[in-house]
């Protein structure tokens, strides 16, 4: 089994087919979307493929170390993660193909007017071994 992170983006990915921001949905449309996500997770729990998932609140901040004895610095000249990532789900599946299959299903969550969003999801495998120095350098 291999773990994959399915990332739901607010921005940064190609526009989905049903590209209406959630703040323009009715309460019933939001409930239907959340129910779809819960049902999807419950189905994967039964097959042993669901690990965890969460929707993210809009508030948040960037934080970085600013030197010995100095307080952390917050925010910065970067795109805010809170503006980019809407939520995530971790799955544990037999193959990349299965991860892509499930991401495709999740992409069909209902949005405005109950129509599938057809949103783009980022599928990222978890790192399973320490990267070699040729694959990654840390500064």
Protein backbone atom coordinates (compact mmCIF):
# COMPACT_ATOMS: atom_id res chain seq x y z
CA UNK A 1 0.00 0.00 0.00
CA UNK A 2 1.16 3.55 -0.71
CA UNK A 3 -0.12 6.75 0.83
CA UNK A 4 -1.20 9.67 -1.31
CA UNK A 5 -2.31 13.17 -0.46
CA UNK A 6 -5.28 14.48 -2.45
CA UNK A 7 -5.22 18.29 -2.29
CA UNK A 8 -8.27 20.41 -3.01
CA UNK A 9 -7.19 23.85 -4.21
CA UNK A 10 -9.07 27.14 -4.12
CA UNK A 11 -6.73 28.65 -6.71
CA UNK A 12 -3.64 27.70 -8.63
CA UNK A 13 -5.05 24.74 -10.52
CA UNK A 14 -6.84 24.92 -13.86
CA UNK A 15 -10.39 26.19 -13.44
CA UNK A 16 -12.97 23.47 -12.78
CA UNK A 17 -15.96 23.06 -15.07
CA UNK A 18 -18.43 24.29 -12.44
CA UNK A 19 -16.28 27.23 -11.36
CA UNK A 20 -18.54 29.03 -8.88
CA UNK A 21 -16.85 29.93 -5.55
CA UNK A 22 -18.38 28.25 -2.51
CA UNK A 23 -19.33 31.61 -0.98
CA UNK A 24 -21.88 31.87 -3.81
CA UNK A 25 -23.50 28.47 -3.08
CA UNK A 26 -26.72 28.03 -1.15
CA UNK A 27 -26.60 26.33 2.27
CA UNK A 28 -28.22 23.27 0.64
CA UNK A 29 -25.48 23.12 -2.04
CA UNK A 30 -22.78 23.32 0.63
CA UNK A 31 -24.52 20.56 2.63
CA UNK A 32 -24.71 18.34 -0.47
CA UNK A 33 -21.01 18.89 -1.16
CA UNK A 34 -20.01 18.07 2.41
CA UNK A 35 -22.27 15.00 2.39
CA UNK A 36 -20.62 13.78 -0.84
CA UNK A 37 -17.19 14.17 0.78
CA UNK A 38 -18.32 12.34 3.94
CA UNK A 39 -19.91 9.52 1.92
CA UNK A 40 -16.75 9.19 -0.19
CA UNK A 41 -14.58 8.95 2.95
CA UNK A 42 -16.97 6.42 4.55
CA UNK A 43 -16.79 4.23 1.45
CA UNK A 44 -12.98 4.32 1.55
CA UNK A 45 -12.99 3.53 5.28
CA UNK A 46 -14.83 0.30 4.46
CA UNK A 47 -12.17 -0.70 1.91
CA UNK A 48 -9.32 0.32 4.24
CA UNK A 49 -8.13 3.03 1.83
CA UNK A 50 -9.06 6.10 3.90
CA UNK A 51 -6.45 7.49 6.29
CA UNK A 52 -7.64 11.02 7.10
CA UNK A 53 -9.13 14.13 5.58
CA UNK A 54 -10.01 17.65 6.62
CA UNK A 55 -11.46 20.83 5.24
CA UNK A 56 -9.39 23.86 6.17
CA UNK A 57 -10.64 27.09 7.74
CA UNK A 58 -9.90 30.26 5.76
CA UNK A 59 -7.75 31.87 8.47
CA UNK A 60 -4.06 31.09 8.84
CA UNK A 61 -0.65 32.66 8.45
CA UNK A 62 2.86 32.01 7.18
CA UNK A 63 5.50 31.68 9.90
CA UNK A 64 9.27 31.49 9.65
CA UNK A 65 12.28 31.56 11.95
CA UNK A 66 13.93 35.00 12.07
CA UNK A 67 17.09 34.33 14.05
CA UNK A 68 18.22 33.53 17.55
CA UNK A 69 16.27 35.42 20.21
CA UNK A 70 13.92 37.03 17.70
CA UNK A 71 10.20 36.27 17.43
CA UNK A 72 8.97 34.32 14.42
CA UNK A 73 8.02 36.40 11.40
CA UNK A 74 4.48 35.98 10.13
CA UNK A 75 3.08 36.48 6.65
CA UNK A 76 5.26 37.64 3.78
CA UNK A 77 5.26 38.31 0.06
CA UNK A 78 3.89 34.85 -0.76
CA UNK A 79 0.57 33.45 -1.89
CA UNK A 80 -1.33 32.56 1.25
CA UNK A 81 -1.87 28.84 1.76
CA UNK A 82 -5.28 29.70 3.18
CA UNK A 83 -6.12 31.11 -0.27
CA UNK A 84 -4.79 28.10 -2.13
CA UNK A 85 -5.63 24.93 -0.21
CA UNK A 86 -9.27 24.18 0.60
CA UNK A 87 -8.75 20.76 2.15
CA UNK A 88 -7.05 17.42 1.84
CA UNK A 89 -7.54 13.70 2.10
CA UNK A 90 -4.93 11.04 2.75
CA UNK A 91 -5.54 7.67 1.16
CA UNK A 92 -3.60 4.40 1.36
CA UNK A 93 -3.99 2.48 -1.87
CA UNK A 94 -2.32 -0.30 -3.86
CA UNK A 95 -1.15 1.85 -6.76
CA UNK A 96 -0.83 5.29 -8.29
CA UNK A 97 -3.53 4.27 -10.74
CA UNK A 98 -5.95 3.67 -7.86
CA UNK A 99 -5.06 7.05 -6.34
CA UNK A 100 -5.82 8.72 -9.69
CA UNK A 101 -9.09 6.76 -10.00
CA UNK A 102 -10.24 7.91 -6.56
CA UNK A 103 -9.17 11.52 -7.20
CA UNK A 104 -11.28 11.42 -10.36
CA UNK A 105 -14.30 10.31 -8.35
CA UNK A 106 -13.69 12.97 -5.71
CA UNK A 107 -13.47 15.59 -8.45
CA UNK A 108 -17.15 14.98 -9.18
CA UNK A 109 -18.33 16.40 -5.83
CA UNK A 110 -21.42 18.54 -6.36
CA UNK A 111 -21.14 22.30 -6.41
CA UNK A 112 -23.40 25.15 -7.50
CA UNK A 113 -26.82 23.97 -8.71
CA UNK A 114 -25.89 20.42 -7.61
CA UNK A 115 -23.74 19.95 -10.71
CA UNK A 116 -20.38 18.17 -10.39
CA UNK A 117 -17.50 20.58 -9.91
CA UNK A 118 -15.02 18.57 -12.00
CA UNK A 119 -12.31 20.30 -9.96
CA UNK A 120 -8.66 19.51 -10.42
CA UNK A 121 -7.13 17.66 -7.46
CA UNK A 122 -3.43 17.39 -6.83
CA UNK A 123 -2.32 13.79 -6.19
CA UNK A 124 0.94 13.65 -4.24
CA UNK A 125 2.62 10.45 -3.03
CA UNK A 126 4.09 10.41 0.46
CA UNK A 127 7.86 10.16 0.52
CA UNK A 128 8.64 6.55 1.39
CA UNK A 129 12.43 6.75 1.68
CA UNK A 130 14.93 9.39 2.63
CA UNK A 131 15.83 11.33 -0.52
CA UNK A 132 19.40 11.10 -1.72
CA UNK A 133 21.51 14.24 -1.79
CA UNK A 134 21.18 14.30 -5.58
CA UNK A 135 17.37 14.40 -5.33
CA UNK A 136 17.08 17.07 -2.68
CA UNK A 137 19.22 19.65 -0.98
CA UNK A 138 18.26 21.60 2.09
CA UNK A 139 19.60 25.06 2.75
